[in-house]
N, C-alpha and C. Protein backbone atom coordinates (compact mmCIF):
# COMPACT_ATOMS: atom_id res chain seq x y z
N GLU A 1 -40.34 12.76 -44.93
CA GLU A 1 -39.95 14.15 -45.13
C GLU A 1 -41.19 15.01 -45.34
N GLY A 2 -41.09 16.27 -44.88
CA GLY A 2 -42.23 17.17 -44.93
C GLY A 2 -42.96 17.18 -43.60
N ILE A 3 -44.15 17.76 -43.57
CA ILE A 3 -44.90 17.92 -42.32
C ILE A 3 -45.93 16.81 -42.18
N VAL A 4 -45.95 16.17 -41.03
CA VAL A 4 -47.05 15.26 -40.69
C VAL A 4 -48.16 16.12 -40.12
N ASP A 5 -49.27 16.20 -40.83
CA ASP A 5 -50.34 17.14 -40.49
C ASP A 5 -51.55 16.38 -39.98
N LEU A 6 -51.77 16.47 -38.65
CA LEU A 6 -52.94 15.84 -38.03
C LEU A 6 -53.77 16.88 -37.29
N ARG A 7 -53.80 18.08 -37.78
CA ARG A 7 -54.59 19.13 -37.14
C ARG A 7 -56.06 18.74 -37.08
N GLN A 8 -56.65 18.87 -35.89
CA GLN A 8 -58.06 18.62 -35.64
C GLN A 8 -58.49 17.18 -35.94
N ALA A 9 -57.51 16.28 -36.03
CA ALA A 9 -57.84 14.87 -36.26
C ALA A 9 -58.53 14.28 -35.02
N ARG A 10 -59.41 13.30 -35.24
CA ARG A 10 -60.10 12.59 -34.16
C ARG A 10 -59.76 11.12 -34.29
N ILE A 11 -59.12 10.56 -33.27
CA ILE A 11 -58.69 9.17 -33.28
C ILE A 11 -59.32 8.47 -32.09
N GLY A 12 -60.11 7.44 -32.33
CA GLY A 12 -60.84 6.78 -31.25
C GLY A 12 -59.94 6.01 -30.30
N GLY A 13 -58.84 5.47 -30.81
CA GLY A 13 -57.90 4.74 -29.98
C GLY A 13 -56.68 5.57 -29.68
N GLY A 14 -55.51 4.93 -29.69
CA GLY A 14 -54.27 5.64 -29.42
C GLY A 14 -53.53 6.00 -30.70
N LEU A 15 -52.48 6.80 -30.55
CA LEU A 15 -51.64 7.23 -31.67
C LEU A 15 -50.20 6.87 -31.35
N VAL A 16 -49.56 6.14 -32.26
CA VAL A 16 -48.17 5.73 -32.08
C VAL A 16 -47.31 6.35 -33.18
N VAL A 17 -46.33 7.14 -32.77
CA VAL A 17 -45.36 7.73 -33.71
C VAL A 17 -43.96 7.35 -33.22
N SER A 18 -43.82 6.13 -32.77
CA SER A 18 -42.58 5.68 -32.16
C SER A 18 -41.59 5.17 -33.21
N HIS A 19 -40.30 5.29 -32.87
CA HIS A 19 -39.20 4.81 -33.72
C HIS A 19 -39.33 5.38 -35.14
N ALA A 20 -39.76 6.62 -35.22
CA ALA A 20 -39.94 7.30 -36.50
C ALA A 20 -38.92 8.43 -36.65
N SER A 21 -38.59 8.75 -37.88
CA SER A 21 -37.74 9.89 -38.18
C SER A 21 -38.51 10.88 -39.03
N LEU A 22 -38.69 12.09 -38.50
CA LEU A 22 -39.44 13.13 -39.19
C LEU A 22 -38.50 14.26 -39.56
N ILE A 23 -38.43 14.55 -40.83
CA ILE A 23 -37.60 15.66 -41.31
C ILE A 23 -38.56 16.71 -41.83
N GLY A 24 -38.74 17.76 -41.03
CA GLY A 24 -39.78 18.73 -41.31
C GLY A 24 -39.46 19.69 -42.44
N ARG A 25 -40.39 20.61 -42.64
CA ARG A 25 -40.26 21.64 -43.67
C ARG A 25 -40.63 22.98 -43.04
N ASN A 26 -39.83 24.00 -43.32
CA ASN A 26 -40.08 25.35 -42.79
C ASN A 26 -40.19 25.36 -41.27
N GLY A 27 -39.37 24.54 -40.63
CA GLY A 27 -39.32 24.52 -39.18
C GLY A 27 -40.41 23.71 -38.49
N MET A 28 -41.25 23.00 -39.23
CA MET A 28 -42.35 22.22 -38.66
C MET A 28 -42.21 20.76 -39.09
N ALA A 29 -42.24 19.84 -38.10
CA ALA A 29 -42.16 18.41 -38.41
C ALA A 29 -43.50 17.71 -38.21
N PHE A 30 -44.22 18.07 -37.12
CA PHE A 30 -45.47 17.39 -36.79
C PHE A 30 -46.44 18.42 -36.25
N ASP A 31 -47.61 18.52 -36.85
CA ASP A 31 -48.62 19.47 -36.37
C ASP A 31 -49.86 18.71 -35.96
N GLY A 32 -50.03 18.60 -34.62
CA GLY A 32 -51.20 17.95 -34.07
C GLY A 32 -52.06 18.93 -33.29
N SER A 33 -52.11 20.16 -33.75
CA SER A 33 -52.96 21.16 -33.09
C SER A 33 -54.41 20.68 -33.04
N LEU A 34 -55.01 20.72 -31.84
CA LEU A 34 -56.41 20.33 -31.61
C LEU A 34 -56.67 18.87 -31.93
N LEU A 35 -55.62 18.07 -32.01
CA LEU A 35 -55.75 16.62 -32.14
C LEU A 35 -56.48 16.05 -30.93
N SER A 36 -57.27 15.01 -31.12
CA SER A 36 -57.96 14.34 -30.01
C SER A 36 -57.80 12.84 -30.16
N THR A 37 -57.32 12.17 -29.09
CA THR A 37 -57.21 10.72 -29.11
C THR A 37 -58.02 10.14 -27.94
N GLY A 38 -58.61 8.98 -28.17
CA GLY A 38 -59.37 8.33 -27.12
C GLY A 38 -58.49 7.63 -26.11
N GLN A 39 -57.29 7.26 -26.53
CA GLN A 39 -56.32 6.63 -25.64
C GLN A 39 -55.03 7.44 -25.67
N GLY A 40 -53.90 6.79 -25.38
CA GLY A 40 -52.64 7.51 -25.25
C GLY A 40 -51.97 7.85 -26.57
N MET A 41 -50.84 8.56 -26.44
CA MET A 41 -50.00 8.90 -27.58
C MET A 41 -48.56 8.54 -27.23
N ALA A 42 -47.94 7.69 -28.05
CA ALA A 42 -46.59 7.21 -27.80
C ALA A 42 -45.65 7.72 -28.89
N CYS A 43 -44.62 8.45 -28.45
CA CYS A 43 -43.60 8.97 -29.37
C CYS A 43 -42.22 8.48 -28.90
N VAL A 44 -42.15 7.21 -28.54
CA VAL A 44 -40.92 6.61 -28.03
C VAL A 44 -39.87 6.56 -29.14
N GLU A 45 -38.66 7.02 -28.81
CA GLU A 45 -37.53 7.02 -29.76
C GLU A 45 -37.84 7.81 -31.04
N LEU A 46 -38.73 8.77 -30.94
CA LEU A 46 -39.00 9.64 -32.07
C LEU A 46 -37.82 10.57 -32.33
N ASP A 47 -37.45 10.75 -33.59
CA ASP A 47 -36.39 11.68 -33.99
C ASP A 47 -37.03 12.71 -34.91
N ALA A 48 -37.25 13.92 -34.38
CA ALA A 48 -37.96 14.95 -35.14
C ALA A 48 -37.05 16.15 -35.38
N HIS A 49 -36.91 16.53 -36.63
CA HIS A 49 -36.15 17.72 -37.01
C HIS A 49 -37.15 18.78 -37.45
N GLY A 50 -37.47 19.67 -36.53
CA GLY A 50 -38.51 20.66 -36.73
C GLY A 50 -39.47 20.59 -35.56
N GLU A 51 -40.34 21.58 -35.44
CA GLU A 51 -41.24 21.67 -34.31
C GLU A 51 -42.26 20.54 -34.27
N VAL A 52 -42.49 20.02 -33.08
CA VAL A 52 -43.61 19.12 -32.82
C VAL A 52 -44.67 19.94 -32.09
N ARG A 53 -45.85 20.07 -32.68
CA ARG A 53 -46.88 20.96 -32.14
C ARG A 53 -48.10 20.14 -31.70
N LEU A 54 -48.48 20.36 -30.44
CA LEU A 54 -49.67 19.72 -29.88
C LEU A 54 -50.55 20.76 -29.19
N ALA A 55 -50.59 21.95 -29.72
CA ALA A 55 -51.36 23.04 -29.11
C ALA A 55 -52.85 22.67 -29.05
N GLY A 56 -53.42 22.74 -27.85
CA GLY A 56 -54.84 22.48 -27.69
C GLY A 56 -55.25 21.04 -27.90
N ALA A 57 -54.29 20.13 -27.99
CA ALA A 57 -54.62 18.72 -28.22
C ALA A 57 -55.20 18.09 -26.95
N HIS A 58 -55.95 17.01 -27.13
CA HIS A 58 -56.50 16.24 -26.01
C HIS A 58 -56.07 14.80 -26.17
N ILE A 59 -55.28 14.31 -25.20
CA ILE A 59 -54.78 12.94 -25.22
C ILE A 59 -55.53 12.15 -24.16
N GLY A 60 -56.26 11.11 -24.57
CA GLY A 60 -57.15 10.40 -23.67
C GLY A 60 -56.47 9.39 -22.75
N GLY A 61 -55.17 9.27 -22.83
CA GLY A 61 -54.40 8.38 -21.97
C GLY A 61 -53.07 9.01 -21.66
N PRO A 62 -52.02 8.23 -21.46
CA PRO A 62 -50.70 8.81 -21.20
C PRO A 62 -50.06 9.37 -22.46
N LEU A 63 -49.16 10.32 -22.25
CA LEU A 63 -48.35 10.89 -23.33
C LEU A 63 -46.91 10.49 -23.05
N ILE A 64 -46.28 9.80 -24.01
CA ILE A 64 -44.96 9.23 -23.76
C ILE A 64 -43.99 9.69 -24.85
N PHE A 65 -42.96 10.42 -24.41
CA PHE A 65 -41.88 10.86 -25.29
C PHE A 65 -40.54 10.27 -24.85
N ASN A 66 -40.55 9.12 -24.21
CA ASN A 66 -39.32 8.53 -23.71
C ASN A 66 -38.34 8.24 -24.85
N GLY A 67 -37.08 8.66 -24.65
CA GLY A 67 -36.05 8.40 -25.63
C GLY A 67 -36.13 9.23 -26.90
N ALA A 68 -37.05 10.18 -26.94
CA ALA A 68 -37.23 11.00 -28.15
C ALA A 68 -36.16 12.09 -28.24
N THR A 69 -35.87 12.50 -29.47
CA THR A 69 -34.98 13.63 -29.73
C THR A 69 -35.74 14.63 -30.60
N LEU A 70 -35.97 15.83 -30.05
CA LEU A 70 -36.69 16.88 -30.77
C LEU A 70 -35.73 18.03 -31.02
N SER A 71 -35.54 18.38 -32.26
CA SER A 71 -34.55 19.38 -32.62
C SER A 71 -35.16 20.49 -33.47
N ASN A 72 -35.18 21.68 -32.89
CA ASN A 72 -35.61 22.88 -33.61
C ASN A 72 -34.90 24.09 -33.01
N PRO A 73 -33.60 24.21 -33.27
CA PRO A 73 -32.80 25.27 -32.65
C PRO A 73 -33.38 26.65 -32.94
N ASN A 74 -33.37 27.50 -31.90
CA ASN A 74 -33.86 28.87 -31.98
C ASN A 74 -35.37 28.95 -32.19
N GLY A 75 -36.06 27.84 -31.92
CA GLY A 75 -37.51 27.82 -32.02
C GLY A 75 -38.09 26.91 -30.96
N ASP A 76 -39.30 26.41 -31.19
CA ASP A 76 -39.95 25.49 -30.26
C ASP A 76 -39.66 24.05 -30.68
N ALA A 77 -39.06 23.28 -29.77
CA ALA A 77 -38.90 21.85 -30.02
C ALA A 77 -40.25 21.15 -29.84
N LEU A 78 -40.95 21.52 -28.76
CA LEU A 78 -42.31 21.02 -28.52
C LEU A 78 -43.17 22.20 -28.13
N MET A 79 -44.24 22.42 -28.88
CA MET A 79 -45.16 23.51 -28.59
C MET A 79 -46.50 22.88 -28.25
N ALA A 80 -46.82 22.83 -26.95
CA ALA A 80 -48.03 22.14 -26.48
C ALA A 80 -48.84 23.06 -25.57
N ASP A 81 -49.01 24.30 -25.96
CA ASP A 81 -49.81 25.25 -25.18
C ASP A 81 -51.24 24.74 -25.07
N GLY A 82 -51.77 24.70 -23.84
CA GLY A 82 -53.15 24.28 -23.64
C GLY A 82 -53.41 22.81 -23.85
N LEU A 83 -52.38 21.99 -23.87
CA LEU A 83 -52.53 20.55 -24.02
C LEU A 83 -53.28 19.95 -22.83
N ALA A 84 -54.12 18.95 -23.07
CA ALA A 84 -54.78 18.21 -22.00
C ALA A 84 -54.41 16.74 -22.12
N VAL A 85 -53.84 16.19 -21.05
CA VAL A 85 -53.45 14.77 -21.00
C VAL A 85 -54.21 14.14 -19.84
N GLU A 86 -54.99 13.12 -20.12
CA GLU A 86 -55.84 12.54 -19.09
C GLU A 86 -55.06 11.75 -18.04
N LYS A 87 -53.92 11.22 -18.41
CA LYS A 87 -53.10 10.47 -17.47
C LYS A 87 -51.73 11.14 -17.36
N ALA A 88 -50.67 10.37 -17.18
CA ALA A 88 -49.33 10.94 -16.96
C ALA A 88 -48.66 11.32 -18.28
N ALA A 89 -47.66 12.19 -18.17
CA ALA A 89 -46.85 12.59 -19.32
C ALA A 89 -45.39 12.30 -18.98
N PHE A 90 -44.72 11.52 -19.85
CA PHE A 90 -43.37 11.05 -19.58
C PHE A 90 -42.41 11.57 -20.65
N PHE A 91 -41.32 12.20 -20.19
CA PHE A 91 -40.24 12.65 -21.07
C PHE A 91 -38.94 12.15 -20.44
N GLY A 92 -38.63 10.87 -20.66
CA GLY A 92 -37.49 10.28 -19.97
C GLY A 92 -36.65 9.41 -20.89
N ASP A 93 -35.84 8.55 -20.26
CA ASP A 93 -34.99 7.60 -20.98
C ASP A 93 -34.12 8.30 -22.01
N GLY A 94 -33.49 9.40 -21.58
CA GLY A 94 -32.61 10.14 -22.48
C GLY A 94 -33.32 11.11 -23.40
N PHE A 95 -34.54 11.50 -23.07
CA PHE A 95 -35.24 12.51 -23.87
C PHE A 95 -34.36 13.74 -24.05
N THR A 96 -34.27 14.23 -25.28
CA THR A 96 -33.42 15.37 -25.61
C THR A 96 -34.20 16.37 -26.44
N ALA A 97 -34.11 17.64 -26.05
CA ALA A 97 -34.76 18.70 -26.83
C ALA A 97 -33.76 19.82 -27.09
N LEU A 98 -33.64 20.22 -28.34
CA LEU A 98 -32.86 21.38 -28.73
C LEU A 98 -33.84 22.42 -29.24
N GLY A 99 -34.09 23.44 -28.41
CA GLY A 99 -35.16 24.39 -28.64
C GLY A 99 -36.08 24.36 -27.42
N GLU A 100 -37.05 25.26 -27.36
CA GLU A 100 -37.89 25.36 -26.18
C GLU A 100 -38.93 24.24 -26.12
N VAL A 101 -39.14 23.70 -24.91
CA VAL A 101 -40.24 22.78 -24.64
C VAL A 101 -41.31 23.58 -23.91
N ARG A 102 -42.50 23.69 -24.50
CA ARG A 102 -43.57 24.56 -24.00
C ARG A 102 -44.81 23.74 -23.66
N LEU A 103 -45.27 23.88 -22.39
CA LEU A 103 -46.55 23.31 -21.98
C LEU A 103 -47.31 24.29 -21.09
N PRO A 104 -47.37 25.58 -21.42
CA PRO A 104 -48.13 26.50 -20.58
C PRO A 104 -49.63 26.24 -20.69
N TRP A 105 -50.33 26.46 -19.57
CA TRP A 105 -51.79 26.28 -19.51
C TRP A 105 -52.22 24.85 -19.82
N ALA A 106 -51.27 23.92 -19.78
CA ALA A 106 -51.61 22.52 -20.01
C ALA A 106 -52.25 21.92 -18.76
N ARG A 107 -52.93 20.79 -18.96
CA ARG A 107 -53.52 20.04 -17.84
C ARG A 107 -53.07 18.59 -17.95
N VAL A 108 -52.49 18.07 -16.86
CA VAL A 108 -52.00 16.68 -16.84
C VAL A 108 -52.69 15.95 -15.70
N GLY A 109 -53.32 14.81 -15.99
CA GLY A 109 -54.14 14.12 -15.02
C GLY A 109 -53.39 13.34 -13.98
N ALA A 110 -52.09 13.13 -14.16
CA ALA A 110 -51.27 12.42 -13.18
C ALA A 110 -49.92 13.14 -13.12
N GLN A 111 -48.83 12.40 -13.14
CA GLN A 111 -47.51 13.01 -13.01
C GLN A 111 -46.97 13.53 -14.33
N LEU A 112 -46.19 14.62 -14.25
CA LEU A 112 -45.39 15.11 -15.37
C LEU A 112 -43.95 14.82 -15.04
N SER A 113 -43.29 14.01 -15.87
CA SER A 113 -41.97 13.51 -15.52
C SER A 113 -40.94 13.79 -16.61
N PHE A 114 -39.88 14.49 -16.23
CA PHE A 114 -38.67 14.63 -17.04
C PHE A 114 -37.57 13.90 -16.27
N ASP A 115 -37.47 12.61 -16.51
CA ASP A 115 -36.65 11.74 -15.69
C ASP A 115 -35.68 10.99 -16.59
N GLY A 116 -34.78 10.23 -15.97
CA GLY A 116 -33.93 9.34 -16.73
C GLY A 116 -33.01 10.03 -17.70
N GLY A 117 -32.35 11.10 -17.23
CA GLY A 117 -31.35 11.77 -18.06
C GLY A 117 -31.91 12.71 -19.12
N ALA A 118 -33.09 13.25 -18.91
CA ALA A 118 -33.66 14.21 -19.87
C ALA A 118 -32.78 15.45 -19.94
N THR A 119 -32.54 15.93 -21.15
CA THR A 119 -31.69 17.09 -21.38
C THR A 119 -32.41 18.08 -22.29
N LEU A 120 -32.55 19.33 -21.81
CA LEU A 120 -33.20 20.38 -22.58
C LEU A 120 -32.19 21.49 -22.81
N SER A 121 -32.10 21.98 -24.04
CA SER A 121 -31.11 23.01 -24.35
C SER A 121 -31.71 24.11 -25.21
N ASN A 122 -31.70 25.32 -24.66
CA ASN A 122 -32.10 26.51 -25.40
C ASN A 122 -31.37 27.69 -24.74
N LYS A 123 -30.07 27.71 -24.90
CA LYS A 123 -29.19 28.57 -24.12
C LYS A 123 -29.56 30.04 -24.25
N GLY A 124 -29.60 30.71 -23.08
CA GLY A 124 -29.91 32.12 -23.02
C GLY A 124 -31.38 32.45 -23.18
N LYS A 125 -32.20 31.41 -23.35
CA LYS A 125 -33.64 31.59 -23.53
C LYS A 125 -34.35 30.62 -22.59
N SER A 126 -35.62 30.38 -22.82
CA SER A 126 -36.38 29.43 -22.01
C SER A 126 -36.20 28.02 -22.56
N ALA A 127 -35.72 27.10 -21.69
CA ALA A 127 -35.58 25.71 -22.10
C ALA A 127 -36.85 24.92 -21.85
N LEU A 128 -37.50 25.20 -20.70
CA LEU A 128 -38.76 24.54 -20.33
C LEU A 128 -39.71 25.59 -19.81
N MET A 129 -40.89 25.69 -20.41
CA MET A 129 -41.88 26.70 -20.03
C MET A 129 -43.20 26.01 -19.73
N VAL A 130 -43.57 25.98 -18.43
CA VAL A 130 -44.82 25.34 -18.01
C VAL A 130 -45.64 26.30 -17.16
N ASP A 131 -45.61 27.59 -17.48
CA ASP A 131 -46.39 28.58 -16.74
C ASP A 131 -47.86 28.18 -16.69
N ALA A 132 -48.46 28.33 -15.51
CA ALA A 132 -49.90 28.10 -15.31
C ALA A 132 -50.34 26.69 -15.65
N ILE A 133 -49.43 25.74 -15.64
CA ILE A 133 -49.81 24.35 -15.86
C ILE A 133 -50.58 23.83 -14.65
N ASP A 134 -51.46 22.88 -14.86
CA ASP A 134 -52.23 22.24 -13.79
C ASP A 134 -51.92 20.75 -13.84
N VAL A 135 -51.13 20.28 -12.86
CA VAL A 135 -50.70 18.88 -12.81
C VAL A 135 -51.35 18.24 -11.58
N GLN A 136 -52.18 17.23 -11.79
CA GLN A 136 -52.87 16.59 -10.68
C GLN A 136 -51.92 15.82 -9.78
N GLY A 137 -50.87 15.24 -10.34
CA GLY A 137 -49.83 14.58 -9.56
C GLY A 137 -48.68 15.54 -9.31
N GLY A 138 -47.47 15.00 -9.30
CA GLY A 138 -46.30 15.84 -9.10
C GLY A 138 -45.57 16.14 -10.40
N ILE A 139 -44.57 17.00 -10.30
CA ILE A 139 -43.63 17.25 -11.39
C ILE A 139 -42.28 16.73 -10.95
N ALA A 140 -41.66 15.88 -11.76
CA ALA A 140 -40.36 15.30 -11.45
C ALA A 140 -39.36 15.66 -12.55
N CYS A 141 -38.35 16.43 -12.18
CA CYS A 141 -37.23 16.74 -13.07
C CYS A 141 -35.97 16.27 -12.34
N ARG A 142 -35.65 15.00 -12.48
CA ARG A 142 -34.62 14.39 -11.65
C ARG A 142 -33.89 13.34 -12.48
N GLY A 143 -33.08 12.52 -11.81
CA GLY A 143 -32.42 11.41 -12.49
C GLY A 143 -31.50 11.84 -13.59
N GLY A 144 -30.72 12.91 -13.32
CA GLY A 144 -29.80 13.41 -14.33
C GLY A 144 -30.37 14.50 -15.22
N PHE A 145 -31.49 15.10 -14.81
CA PHE A 145 -32.11 16.17 -15.59
C PHE A 145 -31.16 17.36 -15.71
N VAL A 146 -30.99 17.86 -16.93
CA VAL A 146 -30.15 19.02 -17.20
C VAL A 146 -30.91 19.98 -18.11
N ALA A 147 -30.95 21.26 -17.73
CA ALA A 147 -31.56 22.29 -18.57
C ALA A 147 -30.52 23.37 -18.85
N GLN A 148 -30.27 23.62 -20.10
CA GLN A 148 -29.42 24.73 -20.54
C GLN A 148 -30.35 25.84 -21.01
N GLY A 149 -30.65 26.77 -20.10
CA GLY A 149 -31.64 27.80 -20.35
C GLY A 149 -32.60 27.84 -19.18
N GLU A 150 -33.49 28.80 -19.17
CA GLU A 150 -34.40 29.02 -18.04
C GLU A 150 -35.48 27.95 -17.95
N VAL A 151 -35.78 27.52 -16.73
CA VAL A 151 -36.93 26.67 -16.44
C VAL A 151 -37.99 27.56 -15.81
N ARG A 152 -39.15 27.69 -16.47
CA ARG A 152 -40.22 28.60 -16.04
C ARG A 152 -41.45 27.80 -15.65
N MET A 153 -41.98 28.10 -14.45
CA MET A 153 -43.23 27.49 -14.02
C MET A 153 -44.05 28.47 -13.20
N THR A 154 -44.07 29.71 -13.61
CA THR A 154 -44.83 30.74 -12.90
C THR A 154 -46.31 30.38 -12.83
N GLY A 155 -46.86 30.42 -11.62
CA GLY A 155 -48.28 30.16 -11.44
C GLY A 155 -48.69 28.72 -11.63
N ALA A 156 -47.74 27.80 -11.68
CA ALA A 156 -48.08 26.38 -11.85
C ALA A 156 -48.84 25.86 -10.64
N GLN A 157 -49.80 24.97 -10.87
CA GLN A 157 -50.55 24.31 -9.83
C GLN A 157 -50.15 22.83 -9.82
N ILE A 158 -49.47 22.42 -8.75
CA ILE A 158 -48.90 21.07 -8.68
C ILE A 158 -49.57 20.32 -7.54
N GLY A 159 -50.34 19.28 -7.87
CA GLY A 159 -51.12 18.57 -6.88
C GLY A 159 -50.31 17.65 -5.99
N GLY A 160 -49.08 17.33 -6.38
CA GLY A 160 -48.18 16.52 -5.57
C GLY A 160 -46.94 17.31 -5.21
N GLY A 161 -45.78 16.68 -5.34
CA GLY A 161 -44.53 17.35 -5.03
C GLY A 161 -43.82 17.85 -6.29
N LEU A 162 -42.85 18.73 -6.07
CA LEU A 162 -41.95 19.18 -7.12
C LEU A 162 -40.58 18.60 -6.81
N GLU A 163 -40.16 17.61 -7.60
CA GLU A 163 -38.93 16.88 -7.34
C GLU A 163 -37.86 17.28 -8.36
N LEU A 164 -36.78 17.87 -7.84
CA LEU A 164 -35.67 18.31 -8.68
C LEU A 164 -34.38 17.64 -8.22
N ASP A 165 -34.47 16.47 -7.66
CA ASP A 165 -33.33 15.79 -7.05
C ASP A 165 -32.18 15.66 -8.04
N GLY A 166 -31.05 16.31 -7.72
CA GLY A 166 -29.87 16.23 -8.56
C GLY A 166 -29.94 17.01 -9.86
N ALA A 167 -31.00 17.77 -10.08
CA ALA A 167 -31.17 18.51 -11.34
C ALA A 167 -30.13 19.61 -11.47
N GLU A 168 -29.68 19.84 -12.69
CA GLU A 168 -28.73 20.91 -13.00
C GLU A 168 -29.40 21.90 -13.95
N LEU A 169 -29.51 23.16 -13.47
CA LEU A 169 -30.14 24.22 -14.26
C LEU A 169 -29.09 25.27 -14.56
N HIS A 170 -28.84 25.50 -15.84
CA HIS A 170 -27.78 26.39 -16.27
C HIS A 170 -28.35 27.56 -17.06
N ASN A 171 -28.32 28.73 -16.47
CA ASN A 171 -28.66 29.97 -17.18
C ASN A 171 -27.91 31.10 -16.50
N PRO A 172 -26.58 31.10 -16.61
CA PRO A 172 -25.74 31.94 -15.75
C PRO A 172 -25.95 33.44 -15.89
N THR A 173 -26.49 33.90 -17.01
CA THR A 173 -26.69 35.34 -17.19
C THR A 173 -28.12 35.77 -16.88
N GLY A 174 -28.94 34.85 -16.37
CA GLY A 174 -30.33 35.19 -16.09
C GLY A 174 -30.90 34.35 -14.97
N ILE A 175 -32.13 33.89 -15.14
CA ILE A 175 -32.85 33.11 -14.13
C ILE A 175 -32.77 31.63 -14.50
N SER A 176 -32.31 30.80 -13.57
CA SER A 176 -32.26 29.37 -13.84
C SER A 176 -33.61 28.70 -13.55
N LEU A 177 -34.28 29.13 -12.44
CA LEU A 177 -35.60 28.61 -12.10
C LEU A 177 -36.53 29.76 -11.76
N MET A 178 -37.57 29.94 -12.54
CA MET A 178 -38.59 30.96 -12.29
C MET A 178 -39.85 30.25 -11.82
N ALA A 179 -40.12 30.30 -10.51
CA ALA A 179 -41.27 29.60 -9.93
C ALA A 179 -42.10 30.55 -9.07
N ASP A 180 -42.24 31.80 -9.49
CA ASP A 180 -43.09 32.73 -8.76
C ASP A 180 -44.54 32.23 -8.77
N TRP A 181 -45.20 32.36 -7.59
CA TRP A 181 -46.61 32.05 -7.43
C TRP A 181 -46.96 30.59 -7.74
N VAL A 182 -45.97 29.72 -7.69
CA VAL A 182 -46.24 28.29 -7.86
C VAL A 182 -46.93 27.77 -6.60
N THR A 183 -47.83 26.80 -6.77
CA THR A 183 -48.48 26.13 -5.65
C THR A 183 -48.11 24.66 -5.68
N VAL A 184 -47.47 24.20 -4.60
CA VAL A 184 -47.02 22.81 -4.49
C VAL A 184 -47.73 22.19 -3.29
N LYS A 185 -48.52 21.15 -3.51
CA LYS A 185 -49.32 20.57 -2.44
C LYS A 185 -48.53 19.60 -1.55
N ASN A 186 -47.30 19.29 -1.94
CA ASN A 186 -46.46 18.42 -1.12
C ASN A 186 -45.09 19.09 -1.00
N ASP A 187 -44.01 18.32 -1.02
CA ASP A 187 -42.67 18.88 -0.82
C ASP A 187 -42.11 19.48 -2.11
N LEU A 188 -41.27 20.50 -1.94
CA LEU A 188 -40.39 20.95 -3.01
C LEU A 188 -39.00 20.48 -2.63
N SER A 189 -38.50 19.51 -3.39
CA SER A 189 -37.26 18.82 -3.04
C SER A 189 -36.22 19.02 -4.14
N TRP A 190 -35.08 19.63 -3.76
CA TRP A 190 -33.99 19.85 -4.72
C TRP A 190 -32.66 19.59 -4.02
N PRO A 191 -32.42 18.38 -3.56
CA PRO A 191 -31.14 18.08 -2.93
C PRO A 191 -30.07 17.76 -3.98
N SER A 192 -28.83 18.11 -3.64
CA SER A 192 -27.66 17.74 -4.44
C SER A 192 -27.78 18.22 -5.88
N GLY A 193 -28.40 19.39 -6.08
CA GLY A 193 -28.54 19.93 -7.43
C GLY A 193 -27.57 21.06 -7.69
N LEU A 194 -27.74 21.71 -8.83
CA LEU A 194 -26.88 22.81 -9.23
C LEU A 194 -27.71 23.86 -9.94
N ALA A 195 -27.55 25.11 -9.53
CA ALA A 195 -28.23 26.22 -10.19
C ALA A 195 -27.19 27.26 -10.58
N ARG A 196 -27.06 27.50 -11.85
CA ARG A 196 -26.21 28.58 -12.36
C ARG A 196 -27.14 29.64 -12.91
N GLY A 197 -27.44 30.64 -12.09
CA GLY A 197 -28.42 31.66 -12.40
C GLY A 197 -29.37 31.81 -11.22
N GLU A 198 -30.18 32.85 -11.25
CA GLU A 198 -31.07 33.17 -10.14
C GLU A 198 -32.18 32.12 -9.98
N VAL A 199 -32.52 31.81 -8.73
CA VAL A 199 -33.66 30.96 -8.40
C VAL A 199 -34.72 31.84 -7.76
N ARG A 200 -35.93 31.86 -8.33
CA ARG A 200 -37.00 32.74 -7.83
C ARG A 200 -38.21 31.93 -7.41
N LEU A 201 -38.67 32.21 -6.18
CA LEU A 201 -39.85 31.56 -5.62
C LEU A 201 -40.78 32.60 -4.98
N ARG A 202 -40.89 33.77 -5.55
CA ARG A 202 -41.72 34.83 -4.99
C ARG A 202 -43.19 34.39 -4.95
N GLY A 203 -43.80 34.51 -3.78
CA GLY A 203 -45.21 34.19 -3.65
C GLY A 203 -45.53 32.72 -3.75
N ALA A 204 -44.51 31.85 -3.72
CA ALA A 204 -44.76 30.42 -3.82
C ALA A 204 -45.46 29.90 -2.56
N GLN A 205 -46.33 28.90 -2.75
CA GLN A 205 -47.01 28.25 -1.63
C GLN A 205 -46.65 26.77 -1.66
N ILE A 206 -45.94 26.33 -0.61
CA ILE A 206 -45.45 24.96 -0.53
C ILE A 206 -46.05 24.33 0.73
N SER A 207 -46.91 23.33 0.57
CA SER A 207 -47.61 22.75 1.70
C SER A 207 -46.74 21.79 2.50
N GLY A 208 -45.72 21.24 1.88
CA GLY A 208 -44.82 20.32 2.57
C GLY A 208 -43.50 20.98 2.92
N ASN A 209 -42.42 20.23 2.83
CA ASN A 209 -41.09 20.71 3.16
C ASN A 209 -40.40 21.31 1.94
N LEU A 210 -39.49 22.26 2.22
CA LEU A 210 -38.60 22.82 1.20
C LEU A 210 -37.22 22.30 1.51
N ASN A 211 -36.67 21.52 0.58
CA ASN A 211 -35.38 20.86 0.79
C ASN A 211 -34.41 21.26 -0.31
N LEU A 212 -33.43 22.09 0.04
CA LEU A 212 -32.38 22.51 -0.89
C LEU A 212 -31.01 22.04 -0.40
N SER A 213 -30.99 20.97 0.36
CA SER A 213 -29.74 20.52 0.97
C SER A 213 -28.70 20.13 -0.09
N GLN A 214 -27.50 20.64 0.08
CA GLN A 214 -26.33 20.34 -0.77
C GLN A 214 -26.53 20.79 -2.22
N THR A 215 -27.50 21.66 -2.46
CA THR A 215 -27.62 22.24 -3.80
C THR A 215 -26.76 23.49 -3.87
N LYS A 216 -26.03 23.63 -4.95
CA LYS A 216 -25.08 24.73 -5.10
C LYS A 216 -25.64 25.79 -6.05
């Protein structure tokens, strides 16, 4: 109970916060602002009540939030503005967020994946915000991905493909996908998906194919 405070901590190896239950205070559960690890960070099956903050952190390996539940209604579930991850970032295996998931201006050295039934909920607001992110691999929001609220990736730089296969984006009174000025070096694929709300791709640059087949 209370806040796990690792602001500006330096860890030569990896950091494991897996199978933990964090009950925060004043809306904050974990503060890793400017944290630096020499290897990866694993938050598998983490249950956090309050914001998890990784603003400006540097993760020297993969970042894994598979199976985690982050709950901070009407606030940030994950606040990772300016995060740097040297390898891939995984949010899968039933990852659930209640509140906004934020990774604007982040840098990911491989793939960014919201796969395996990931569910984000911040109704009427932004559910996922990755504006100006730089991903060396692709972004995958598939495998049962559901967002209740806007998915924003304005100005994102995606070195691979943008995969939204079967994804459901629900923001019926606003924008479901905001991808103005996004750059995708491979395909943008969204077959058999669902969009409730406006889909915007103004100024987008897609080097491969655009596939929206059977998306409603």
